[in-house]
PDB file of N, CA and C in Angstrom:
ATOM      1  N   MET A   1      67.028 117.946 115.065  1.00  0.00           N
ATOM      2  CA  MET A   1      66.818 118.460 114.373  1.00  0.00           C
ATOM      3  C   MET A   1      65.949 117.350 112.965  1.00  0.00           C
ATOM      4  N   THR A   2      64.395 117.273 113.309  1.00  0.00           N
ATOM      5  CA  THR A   2      63.579 115.943 112.842  1.00  0.00           C
ATOM      6  C   THR A   2      63.555 116.190 111.047  1.00  0.00           C
ATOM      7  N   LEU A   3      63.890 115.406 110.273  1.00  0.00           N
ATOM      8  CA  LEU A   3      63.475 115.439 108.901  1.00  0.00           C
ATOM      9  C   LEU A   3      62.409 115.120 108.668  1.00  0.00           C
ATOM     10  N   LEU A   4      61.637 115.735 107.692  1.00  0.00           N
ATOM     11  CA  LEU A   4      60.110 114.818 107.278  1.00  0.00           C
ATOM     12  C   LEU A   4      60.344 114.555 106.006  1.00  0.00           C
ATOM     13  N   PHE A   5      60.143 113.160 106.039  1.00  0.00           N
ATOM     14  CA  PHE A   5      60.288 112.197 104.722  1.00  0.00           C
ATOM     15  C   PHE A   5      58.942 111.221 103.989  1.00  0.00           C
ATOM     16  N   PRO A   6      58.557 112.097 102.828  1.00  0.00           N
ATOM     17  CA  PRO A   6      57.161 111.300 101.953  1.00  0.00           C
ATOM     18  C   PRO A   6      57.303 109.749 101.975  1.00  0.00           C
ATOM     19  N   LEU A   7      56.224 109.059 102.186  1.00  0.00           N
ATOM     20  CA  LEU A   7      56.411 107.750 101.879  1.00  0.00           C
ATOM     21  C   LEU A   7      55.041 107.312 101.274  1.00  0.00           C
ATOM     22  N   LEU A   8      55.021 106.195 100.640  1.00  0.00           N
ATOM     23  CA  LEU A   8      53.762 105.946  99.912  1.00  0.00           C
ATOM     24  C   LEU A   8      53.478 104.208 100.683  1.00  0.00           C
ATOM     25  N   PRO A   9      52.385 104.166 101.143  1.00  0.00           N
ATOM     26  CA  PRO A   9      52.212 102.460 101.241  1.00  0.00           C
ATOM     27  C   PRO A   9      52.713 101.536 100.466  1.00  0.00           C
ATOM     28  N   VAL A  10      52.873 100.607 100.583  1.00  0.00           N
ATOM     29  CA  VAL A  10      53.491  99.458  99.647  1.00  0.00           C
ATOM     30  C   VAL A  10      51.953  98.610  99.302  1.00  0.00           C
ATOM     31  N   THR A  11      51.806  98.024  97.802  1.00  0.00           N
ATOM     32  CA  THR A  11      50.866  97.060  98.163  1.00  0.00           C
ATOM     33  C   THR A  11      51.453  95.413  97.902  1.00  0.00           C
ATOM     34  N   GLU A  12      52.634  95.657  97.551  1.00  0.00           N
ATOM     35  CA  GLU A  12      53.141  94.451  97.523  1.00  0.00           C
ATOM     36  C   GLU A  12      53.747  94.085  99.037  1.00  0.00           C
ATOM     37  N   THR A  13      53.655  92.622  99.491  1.00  0.00           N
ATOM     38  CA  THR A  13      54.169  92.401 100.729  1.00  0.00           C
ATOM     39  C   THR A  13      56.056  92.343 100.657  1.00  0.00           C
ATOM     40  N   PRO A  14      56.650  93.164 101.183  1.00  0.00           N
ATOM     41  CA  PRO A  14      57.960  92.755 101.257  1.00  0.00           C
ATOM     42  C   PRO A  14      58.628  91.757 102.343  1.00  0.00           C
ATOM     43  N   LYS A  15      59.813  91.796 101.356  1.00  0.00           N
ATOM     44  CA  LYS A  15      60.420  90.365 101.992  1.00  0.00           C
ATOM     45  C   LYS A  15      61.760  90.864 101.955  1.00  0.00           C
ATOM     46  N   GLU A  16      62.584  90.615 103.054  1.00  0.00           N
ATOM     47  CA  GLU A  16      64.042  90.705 103.351  1.00  0.00           C
ATOM     48  C   GLU A  16      64.570  89.530 102.674  1.00  0.00           C
ATOM     49  N   ILE A  17      65.874  89.314 102.019  1.00  0.00           N
ATOM     50  CA  ILE A  17      66.211  88.359 101.460  1.00  0.00           C
ATOM     51  C   ILE A  17      67.813  88.124 101.808  1.00  0.00           C
ATOM     52  N   ASN A  18      68.612  87.046 101.786  1.00  0.00           N
ATOM     53  CA  ASN A  18      70.062  87.000 102.282  1.00  0.00           C
ATOM     54  C   ASN A  18      71.041  87.280 101.207  1.00  0.00           C
ATOM     55  N   ALA A  19      70.376  87.748  99.996  1.00  0.00           N
ATOM     56  CA  ALA A  19      71.626  88.246  99.290  1.00  0.00           C
ATOM     57  C   ALA A  19      70.730  89.379  98.369  1.00  0.00           C
ATOM     58  N   PRO A  20      71.588  90.505  97.468  1.00  0.00           N
ATOM     59  CA  PRO A  20      71.469  91.615  96.763  1.00  0.00           C
ATOM     60  C   PRO A  20      70.259  91.191  95.828  1.00  0.00           C
ATOM     61  N   LEU A  21      69.247  92.231  95.700  1.00  0.00           N
ATOM     62  CA  LEU A  21      68.094  91.297  94.853  1.00  0.00           C
ATOM     63  C   LEU A  21      68.134  91.011  93.452  1.00  0.00           C
ATOM     64  N   TRP A  22      69.526  92.092  93.064  1.00  0.00           N
ATOM     65  CA  TRP A  22      70.160  91.854  91.260  1.00  0.00           C
ATOM     66  C   TRP A  22      70.301  90.535  91.513  1.00  0.00           C
ATOM     67  N   SER A  23      70.970  89.794  92.534  1.00  0.00           N
ATOM     68  CA  SER A  23      71.410  88.721  92.146  1.00  0.00           C
ATOM     69  C   SER A  23      70.540  87.520  91.736  1.00  0.00           C
ATOM     70  N   LEU A  24      69.526  87.525  92.366  1.00  0.00           N
ATOM     71  CA  LEU A  24      68.354  86.512  92.435  1.00  0.00           C
ATOM     72  C   LEU A  24      67.981  85.770  91.158  1.00  0.00           C
ATOM     73  N   SER A  25      68.227  86.279  89.941  1.00  0.00           N
ATOM     74  CA  SER A  25      68.265  85.587  88.801  1.00  0.00           C
ATOM     75  C   SER A  25      68.960  85.025  88.648  1.00  0.00           C
ATOM     76  N   GLU A  26      70.795  84.992  89.256  1.00  0.00           N
ATOM     77  CA  GLU A  26      71.574  84.234  88.780  1.00  0.00           C
ATOM     78  C   GLU A  26      71.891  83.149  89.656  1.00  0.00           C
ATOM     79  N   GLN A  27      71.072  83.611  90.982  1.00  0.00           N
ATOM     80  CA  GLN A  27      71.366  82.450  92.175  1.00  0.00           C
ATOM     81  C   GLN A  27      70.418  81.727  92.181  1.00  0.00           C
ATOM     82  N   CYS A  28      68.943  81.765  91.499  1.00  0.00           N
ATOM     83  CA  CYS A  28      68.292  80.881  91.004  1.00  0.00           C
ATOM     84  C   CYS A  28      68.702  79.555  90.145  1.00  0.00           C
ATOM     85  N   LYS A  29      69.308  80.149  89.261  1.00  0.00           N
ATOM     86  CA  LYS A  29      69.920  78.675  88.202  1.00  0.00           C
ATOM     87  C   LYS A  29      70.898  77.921  89.191  1.00  0.00           C
ATOM     88  N   SER A  30      71.029  78.132  90.215  1.00  0.00           N
ATOM     89  CA  SER A  30      71.840  77.280  90.949  1.00  0.00           C
ATOM     90  C   SER A  30      71.174  76.730  92.662  1.00  0.00           C
ATOM     91  N   ALA A  31      71.007  75.466  92.561  1.00  0.00           N
ATOM     92  CA  ALA A  31      70.207  75.298  93.787  1.00  0.00           C
ATOM     93  C   ALA A  31      71.071  75.468  94.902  1.00  0.00           C
ATOM     94  N   ASN A  32      72.336  75.468  94.534  1.00  0.00           N
ATOM     95  CA  ASN A  32      73.730  75.590  95.786  1.00  0.00           C
ATOM     96  C   ASN A  32      73.685  76.863  96.297  1.00  0.00           C
ATOM     97  N   LYS A  33      72.742  77.921  95.272  1.00  0.00           N
ATOM     98  CA  LYS A  33      73.045  79.358  96.053  1.00  0.00           C
ATOM     99  C   LYS A  33      71.533  79.625  96.177  1.00  0.00           C
ATOM    100  N   ALA A  34      70.634  79.012  96.548  1.00  0.00           N
ATOM    101  CA  ALA A  34      69.545  79.247  96.551  1.00  0.00           C
ATOM    102  C   ALA A  34      69.647  81.198  97.271  1.00  0.00           C
ATOM    103  N   VAL A  35      68.397  81.917  97.093  1.00  0.00           N
ATOM    104  CA  VAL A  35      68.569  83.120  97.722  1.00  0.00           C
ATOM    105  C   VAL A  35      67.120  82.597  98.995  1.00  0.00           C
ATOM    106  N   LEU A  36      67.419  82.893 100.424  1.00  0.00           N
ATOM    107  CA  LEU A  36      66.243  82.716 101.015  1.00  0.00           C
ATOM    108  C   LEU A  36      65.638  84.117 102.046  1.00  0.00           C
ATOM    109  N   ILE A  37      64.266  84.141 101.668  1.00  0.00           N
ATOM    110  CA  ILE A  37      63.717  85.107 102.817  1.00  0.00           C
ATOM    111  C   ILE A  37      64.134  85.317 103.949  1.00  0.00           C
ATOM    112  N   THR A  38      64.461  86.222 104.545  1.00  0.00           N
ATOM    113  CA  THR A  38      65.025  85.649 106.074  1.00  0.00           C
ATOM    114  C   THR A  38      64.235  86.630 106.665  1.00  0.00           C
ATOM    115  N   ARG A  39      63.170  87.684 106.243  1.00  0.00           N
ATOM    116  CA  ARG A  39      61.972  88.290 107.092  1.00  0.00           C
ATOM    117  C   ARG A  39      60.926  88.606 106.121  1.00  0.00           C
ATOM    118  N   HIS A  40      59.550  88.206 106.838  1.00  0.00           N
ATOM    119  CA  HIS A  40      58.492  88.806 105.918  1.00  0.00           C
ATOM    120  C   HIS A  40      57.951  89.811 106.720  1.00  0.00           C
ATOM    121  N   LEU A  41      58.179  91.210 106.134  1.00  0.00           N
ATOM    122  CA  LEU A  41      57.723  92.305 106.490  1.00  0.00           C
ATOM    123  C   LEU A  41      56.325  92.579 106.560  1.00  0.00           C
ATOM    124  N   LYS A  42      55.542  93.252 107.564  1.00  0.00           N
ATOM    125  CA  LYS A  42      54.180  93.677 107.567  1.00  0.00           C
ATOM    126  C   LYS A  42      54.174  94.636 106.153  1.00  0.00           C
ATOM    127  N   ARG A  43      53.372  95.111 105.823  1.00  0.00           N
ATOM    128  CA  ARG A  43      52.822  96.387 104.420  1.00  0.00           C
ATOM    129  C   ARG A  43      52.672  97.124 105.469  1.00  0.00           C
ATOM    130  N   ALA A  44      51.724  97.301 106.888  1.00  0.00           N
ATOM    131  CA  ALA A  44      51.096  98.002 107.303  1.00  0.00           C
ATOM    132  C   ALA A  44      52.091  99.233 107.771  1.00  0.00           C
ATOM    133  N   ASN A  45      53.678  98.536 108.352  1.00  0.00           N
ATOM    134  CA  ASN A  45      54.540  99.064 108.575  1.00  0.00           C
ATOM    135  C   ASN A  45      55.710  99.451 108.043  1.00  0.00           C
ATOM    136  N   THR A  46      55.388  99.197 106.632  1.00  0.00           N
ATOM    137  CA  THR A  46      56.964  99.700 105.738  1.00  0.00           C
ATOM    138  C   THR A  46      55.946 100.582 104.607  1.00  0.00           C
ATOM    139  N   GLY A  47      56.835 101.858 103.998  1.00  0.00           N
ATOM    140  CA  GLY A  47      56.099 102.429 102.912  1.00  0.00           C
ATOM    141  C   GLY A  47      57.576 102.825 102.040  1.00  0.00           C
ATOM    142  N   ALA A  48      57.269 103.087 100.810  1.00  0.00           N
ATOM    143  CA  ALA A  48      57.862 103.178  99.628  1.00  0.00           C
ATOM    144  C   ALA A  48      58.421 104.621  99.675  1.00  0.00           C
ATOM    145  N   ALA A  49      60.000 104.931  99.878  1.00  0.00           N
ATOM    146  CA  ALA A  49      60.385 106.250 100.150  1.00  0.00           C
ATOM    147  C   ALA A  49      60.372 107.398  98.772  1.00  0.00           C
ATOM    148  N   GLN A  50      59.757 108.259  98.735  1.00  0.00           N
ATOM    149  CA  GLN A  50      59.792 109.101  97.669  1.00  0.00           C
ATOM    150  C   GLN A  50      60.609 109.802  97.186  1.00  0.00           C
ATOM    151  N   THR A  51      61.075 110.790  96.365  1.00  0.00           N
ATOM    152  CA  THR A  51      61.946 111.572  96.005  1.00  0.00           C
ATOM    153  C   THR A  51      61.543 112.906  95.381  1.00  0.00           C
ATOM    154  N   PRO A  52      61.717 113.997  95.306  1.00  0.00           N
ATOM    155  CA  PRO A  52      63.211 114.445  96.158  1.00  0.00           C
ATOM    156  C   PRO A  52      63.240 114.629  97.461  1.00  0.00           C
ATOM    157  N   GLN A  53      64.227 114.377  98.104  1.00  0.00           N
ATOM    158  CA  GLN A  53      64.199 114.830  99.510  1.00  0.00           C
ATOM    159  C   GLN A  53      64.906 116.372  99.549  1.00  0.00           C
ATOM    160  N   CYS A  54      64.395 116.812 100.315  1.00  0.00           N
ATOM    161  CA  CYS A  54      65.114 118.028 101.009  1.00  0.00           C
ATOM    162  C   CYS A  54      66.044 118.336 102.029  1.00  0.00           C
ATOM    163  N   PHE A  55      67.435 119.143 101.516  1.00  0.00           N
ATOM    164  CA  PHE A  55      67.947 119.247 102.914  1.00  0.00           C
ATOM    165  C   PHE A  55      68.657 120.465 102.879  1.00  0.00           C
ATOM    166  N   LYS A  56      69.453 121.228 104.116  1.00  0.00           N
ATOM    167  CA  LYS A  56      70.175 122.031 103.656  1.00  0.00           C
ATOM    168  C   LYS A  56      71.210 121.423 103.590  1.00  0.00           C
ATOM    169  N   PHE A  57      71.892 122.246 102.600  1.00  0.00           N
ATOM    170  CA  PHE A  57      73.334 121.318 101.847  1.00  0.00           C
ATOM    171  C   PHE A  57      74.184 121.254 103.258  1.00  0.00           C
ATOM    172  N   PRO A  58      74.714 122.057 103.572  1.00  0.00           N
ATOM    173  CA  PRO A  58      75.512 121.827 104.615  1.00  0.00           C
ATOM    174  C   PRO A  58      75.572 120.864 105.589  1.00  0.00           C
ATOM    175  N   GLU A  59      74.293 120.433 105.902  1.00  0.00           N
ATOM    176  CA  GLU A  59      74.307 119.742 106.959  1.00  0.00           C
ATOM    177  C   GLU A  59      74.258 118.402 106.122  1.00  0.00           C
ATOM    178  N   ILE A  60      73.627 118.138 105.470  1.00  0.00           N
ATOM    179  CA  ILE A  60      73.721 116.994 104.280  1.00  0.00           C
ATOM    180  C   ILE A  60      74.607 116.525 104.184  1.00  0.00           C
ATOM    181  N   LEU A  61      75.770 117.448 103.338  1.00  0.00           N
ATOM    182  CA  LEU A  61      77.022 117.199 103.638  1.00  0.00           C
ATOM    183  C   LEU A  61      77.959 117.105 104.577  1.00  0.00           C
ATOM    184  N   ASN A  62      77.997 117.837 105.544  1.00  0.00           N
ATOM    185  CA  ASN A  62      78.604 116.989 107.198  1.00  0.00           C
ATOM    186  C   ASN A  62      77.822 115.591 107.350  1.00  0.00           C
ATOM    187  N   ALA A  63      76.964 115.284 106.861  1.00  0.00           N
ATOM    188  CA  ALA A  63      76.579 113.735 107.269  1.00  0.00           C
ATOM    189  C   ALA A  63      76.985 113.054 106.321  1.00  0.00           C
ATOM    190  N   HIS A  64      77.225 112.857 105.193  1.00  0.00           N
ATOM    191  CA  HIS A  64      78.017 112.394 104.351  1.00  0.00           C
ATOM    192  C   HIS A  64      79.313 112.349 104.459  1.00  0.00           C
ATOM    193  N   GLU A  65      79.920 113.396 105.040  1.00  0.00           N
ATOM    194  CA  GLU A  65      81.144 112.886 105.376  1.00  0.00           C
ATOM    195  C   GLU A  65      81.415 111.739 106.622  1.00  0.00           C
ATOM    196  N   LYS A  66      80.724 112.460 107.589  1.00  0.00           N
ATOM    197  CA  LYS A  66      80.401 111.610 108.996  1.00  0.00           C
ATOM    198  C   LYS A  66      80.432 110.073 108.398  1.00  0.00           C
ATOM    199  N   ALA A  67      79.719 109.772 107.171  1.00  0.00           N
ATOM    200  CA  ALA A  67      79.325 108.539 106.426  1.00  0.00           C
ATOM    201  C   ALA A  67      80.861 108.300 106.147  1.00  0.00           C
ATOM    202  N   ALA A  68      81.423 108.582 105.387  1.00  0.00           N
ATOM    203  CA  ALA A  68      82.259 108.390 104.748  1.00  0.00           C
ATOM    204  C   ALA A  68      83.731 108.153 105.716  1.00  0.00           C
ATOM    205  N   ILE A  69      83.954 108.932 106.696  1.00  0.00           N
ATOM    206  CA  ILE A  69      84.958 108.758 107.551  1.00  0.00           C
ATOM    207  C   ILE A  69      84.694 107.538 108.814  1.00  0.00           C
ATOM    208  N   PHE A  70      83.478 107.395 109.107  1.00  0.00           N
ATOM    209  CA  PHE A  70      83.268 106.612 110.227  1.00  0.00           C
ATOM    210  C   PHE A  70      82.990 105.320 109.983  1.00  0.00           C
ATOM    211  N   THR A  71      82.326 105.206 108.636  1.00  0.00           N
ATOM    212  CA  THR A  71      81.575 103.864 108.594  1.00  0.00           C
ATOM    213  C   THR A  71      81.915 103.285 107.111  1.00  0.00           C
ATOM    214  N   ASP A  72      82.073 102.299 106.782  1.00  0.00           N
ATOM    215  CA  ASP A  72      82.062 101.532 105.199  1.00  0.00           C
ATOM    216  C   ASP A  72      80.575 100.846 104.631  1.00  0.00           C
ATOM    217  N   GLU A  73      79.813 101.310 105.578  1.00  0.00           N
ATOM    218  CA  GLU A  73      78.277 100.810 105.254  1.00  0.00           C
ATOM    219  C   GLU A  73      77.756 101.237 103.898  1.00  0.00           C
ATOM    220  N   GLU A  74      76.967 100.726 103.149  1.00  0.00           N
ATOM    221  CA  GLU A  74      76.437 101.247 101.874  1.00  0.00           C
ATOM    222  C   GLU A  74      75.236 101.993 102.197  1.00  0.00           C
ATOM    223  N   PHE A  75      74.853 102.986 102.152  1.00  0.00           N
ATOM    224  CA  PHE A  75      73.583 103.566 102.214  1.00  0.00           C
ATOM    225  C   PHE A  75      72.642 103.867 101.143  1.00  0.00           C
ATOM    226  N   THR A  76      71.275 104.123 101.509  1.00  0.00           N
ATOM    227  CA  THR A  76      70.440 104.167  99.941  1.00  0.00           C
ATOM    228  C   THR A  76      69.995 104.830  99.592  1.00  0.00           C
ATOM    229  N   ASP A  77      69.782 106.046 100.837  1.00  0.00           N
ATOM    230  CA  ASP A  77      69.388 107.191  99.933  1.00  0.00           C
ATOM    231  C   ASP A  77      69.858 108.546 101.347  1.00  0.00           C
ATOM    232  N   ASP A  78      69.517 109.712 100.963  1.00  0.00           N
ATOM    233  CA  ASP A  78      70.168 110.600 101.543  1.00  0.00           C
ATOM    234  C   ASP A  78      69.341 110.530 103.108  1.00  0.00           C
ATOM    235  N   ALA A  79      68.190 110.304 103.466  1.00  0.00           N
ATOM    236  CA  ALA A  79      67.312 110.106 104.772  1.00  0.00           C
ATOM    237  C   ALA A  79      68.374 109.086 105.162  1.00  0.00           C
ATOM    238  N   GLU A  80      68.426 108.061 104.852  1.00  0.00           N
ATOM    239  CA  GLU A  80      69.322 106.979 106.167  1.00  0.00           C
ATOM    240  C   GLU A  80      69.864 107.664 106.406  1.00  0.00           C
ATOM    241  N   ILE A  81      71.253 108.402 105.714  1.00  0.00           N
ATOM    242  CA  ILE A  81      72.254 109.101 105.975  1.00  0.00           C
ATOM    243  C   ILE A  81      72.178 110.055 107.433  1.00  0.00           C
ATOM    244  N   TRP A  82      71.281 110.511 107.186  1.00  0.00           N
ATOM    245  CA  TRP A  82      70.663 112.000 107.853  1.00  0.00           C
ATOM    246  C   TRP A  82      70.353 110.883 109.209  1.00  0.00           C
ATOM    247  N   GLY A  83      69.073 109.967 109.273  1.00  0.00           N
ATOM    248  CA  GLY A  83      69.007 109.312 110.533  1.00  0.00           C
ATOM    249  C   GLY A  83      69.843 108.837 110.928  1.00  0.00           C
ATOM    250  N   ARG A  84      71.295 108.321 111.019  1.00  0.00           N
ATOM    251  CA  ARG A  84      72.446 107.849 111.465  1.00  0.00           C
ATOM    252  C   ARG A  84      73.077 108.812 111.752  1.00  0.00           C
ATOM    253  N   PHE A  85      73.574 110.238 111.273  1.00  0.00           N
ATOM    254  CA  PHE A  85      74.067 110.787 111.731  1.00  0.00           C
ATOM    255  C   PHE A  85      73.629 112.440 111.898  1.00  0.00           C
ATOM    256  N   CYS A  86      72.336 112.784 112.040  1.00  0.00           N
ATOM    257  CA  CYS A  86      71.872 114.130 112.312  1.00  0.00           C
ATOM    258  C   CYS A  86      70.842 113.702 113.065  1.00  0.00           C
ATOM    259  N   GLY A  87      69.964 113.319 112.831  1.00  0.00           N
ATOM    260  CA  GLY A  87      68.514 113.238 113.673  1.00  0.00           C
ATOM    261  C   GLY A  87      67.291 112.279 113.398  1.00  0.00           C
ATOM    262  N   ASP A  88      66.301 112.325 113.617  1.00  0.00           N
ATOM    263  CA  ASP A  88      65.341 111.612 113.221  1.00  0.00           C
ATOM    264  C   ASP A  88      64.757 111.947 111.920  1.00  0.00           C
ATOM    265  N   VAL A  89      64.325 110.702 111.387  1.00  0.00           N
ATOM    266  CA  VAL A  89      63.280 111.147 110.227  1.00  0.00           C
ATOM    267  C   VAL A  89      61.622 110.784 110.521  1.00  0.00           C
ATOM    268  N   ALA A  90      61.008 111.519 110.446  1.00  0.00           N
ATOM    269  CA  ALA A  90      59.467 111.430 110.458  1.00  0.00           C
ATOM    270  C   ALA A  90      58.725 111.168 109.384  1.00  0.00           C
ATOM    271  N   ALA A  91      58.066 110.006 108.759  1.00  0.00           N
ATOM    272  CA  ALA A  91      57.232 109.413 107.821  1.00  0.00           C
ATOM    273  C   ALA A  91      56.059 110.655 107.689  1.00  0.00           C
ATOM    274  N   ILE A  92      56.070 110.888 106.360  1.00  0.00           N
ATOM    275  CA  ILE A  92      54.774 111.731 106.013  1.00  0.00           C
ATOM    276  C   ILE A  92      54.024 111.018 104.683  1.00  0.00           C
ATOM    277  N   GLN A  93      52.848 111.521 104.817  1.00  0.00           N
ATOM    278  CA  GLN A  93      51.973 111.106 103.569  1.00  0.00           C
ATOM    279  C   GLN A  93      53.301 111.342 102.196  1.00  0.00           C
ATOM    280  N   GLY A  94      52.965 110.189 101.335  1.00  0.00           N
ATOM    281  CA  GLY A  94      53.409 110.778 100.185  1.00  0.00           C
ATOM    282  C   GLY A  94      52.430 111.255  98.906  1.00  0.00           C
ATOM    283  N   GLU A  95      52.938 111.114  97.906  1.00  0.00           N
ATOM    284  CA  GLU A  95      51.773 111.355  96.717  1.00  0.00           C
ATOM    285  C   GLU A  95      52.102 110.966  95.683  1.00  0.00           C
ATOM    286  N   ALA A  96      51.017 109.978  94.951  1.00  0.00           N
ATOM    287  CA  ALA A  96      51.154 108.878  94.258  1.00  0.00           C
ATOM    288  C   ALA A  96      51.453 109.485  93.017  1.00  0.00           C
ATOM    289  N   GLU A  97      51.342 111.073  92.855  1.00  0.00           N
ATOM    290  CA  GLU A  97      51.371 111.381  91.397  1.00  0.00           C
ATOM    291  C   GLU A  97      52.963 111.707  91.535  1.00  0.00           C
ATOM    292  N   ASN A  98      53.379 111.507  92.432  1.00  0.00           N
ATOM    293  CA  ASN A  98      55.219 111.976  92.411  1.00  0.00           C
ATOM    294  C   ASN A  98      55.985 110.446  91.950  1.00  0.00           C
ATOM    295  N   ARG A  99      56.142 110.011  91.090  1.00  0.00           N
ATOM    296  CA  ARG A  99      56.681 109.070  90.528  1.00  0.00           C
ATOM    297  C   ARG A  99      58.036 108.938  90.249  1.00  0.00           C
ATOM    298  N   LYS A 100      58.854 108.050  90.849  1.00  0.00           N
ATOM    299  CA  LYS A 100      60.126 108.155  90.671  1.00  0.00           C
ATOM    300  C   LYS A 100      60.543 107.528  89.604  1.00  0.00           C
ATOM    301  N   ILE A 101      61.732 108.367  89.092  1.00  0.00           N
ATOM    302  CA  ILE A 101      61.838 107.982  87.627  1.00  0.00           C
ATOM    303  C   ILE A 101      63.565 107.249  87.493  1.00  0.00           C
ATOM    304  N   THR A 102      63.381 105.823  87.367  1.00  0.00           N
ATOM    305  CA  THR A 102      64.904 105.237  87.793  1.00  0.00           C
ATOM    306  C   THR A 102      65.122 104.451  86.421  1.00  0.00           C
ATOM    307  N   PHE A 103      64.040 103.852  85.807  1.00  0.00           N
ATOM    308  CA  PHE A 103      63.964 103.004  84.604  1.00  0.00           C
ATOM    309  C   PHE A 103      63.609 104.027  83.463  1.00  0.00           C
ATOM    310  N   ALA A 104      63.991 103.512  81.855  1.00  0.00           N
ATOM    311  CA  ALA A 104      63.451 104.467  80.836  1.00  0.00           C
ATOM    312  C   ALA A 104      61.700 103.912  81.126  1.00  0.00           C
ATOM    313  N   GLU A 105      61.513 102.739  81.263  1.00  0.00           N
ATOM    314  CA  GLU A 105      60.318 102.851  81.406  1.00  0.00           C
ATOM    315  C   GLU A 105      59.554 103.429  81.688  1.00  0.00           C
ATOM    316  N   ASP A 106      60.045 103.940  82.992  1.00  0.00           N
ATOM    317  CA  ASP A 106      59.335 104.879  84.086  1.00  0.00           C
ATOM    318  C   ASP A 106      58.771 106.319  83.340  1.00  0.00           C
ATOM    319  N   LEU A 107      59.281 106.437  81.872  1.00  0.00           N
ATOM    320  CA  LEU A 107      58.596 107.755  81.439  1.00  0.00           C
ATOM    321  C   LEU A 107      57.451 107.711  80.666  1.00  0.00           C
ATOM    322  N   ILE A 108      57.153 105.972  80.469  1.00  0.00           N
ATOM    323  CA  ILE A 108      55.976 105.697  79.551  1.00  0.00           C
ATOM    324  C   ILE A 108      54.737 106.141  80.262  1.00  0.00           C
TER     325      ILE A 108
END
């Protein structure tokens, strides 16, 4: 089964780095711990994932159970787990008005 997943175009040029982004400010203080860009991704081939993501509960629960049993990897969202353990994830056009609320400032 293929899952349809909403994506928005990104306006910034995405970069992949060799450390978690949250550690960037600490590592920049030391020349010995420089965070390096490892890949320069193309905006045309990347998108910002939107929520909510919709699944049939028994199927996504089964995927999470497989993830917990068969790997110690960290997954960033349910669609990634779905793609690994259930089937394809197909991109559809997202809606800019559907804003993700992560931080208090997102409510302003």
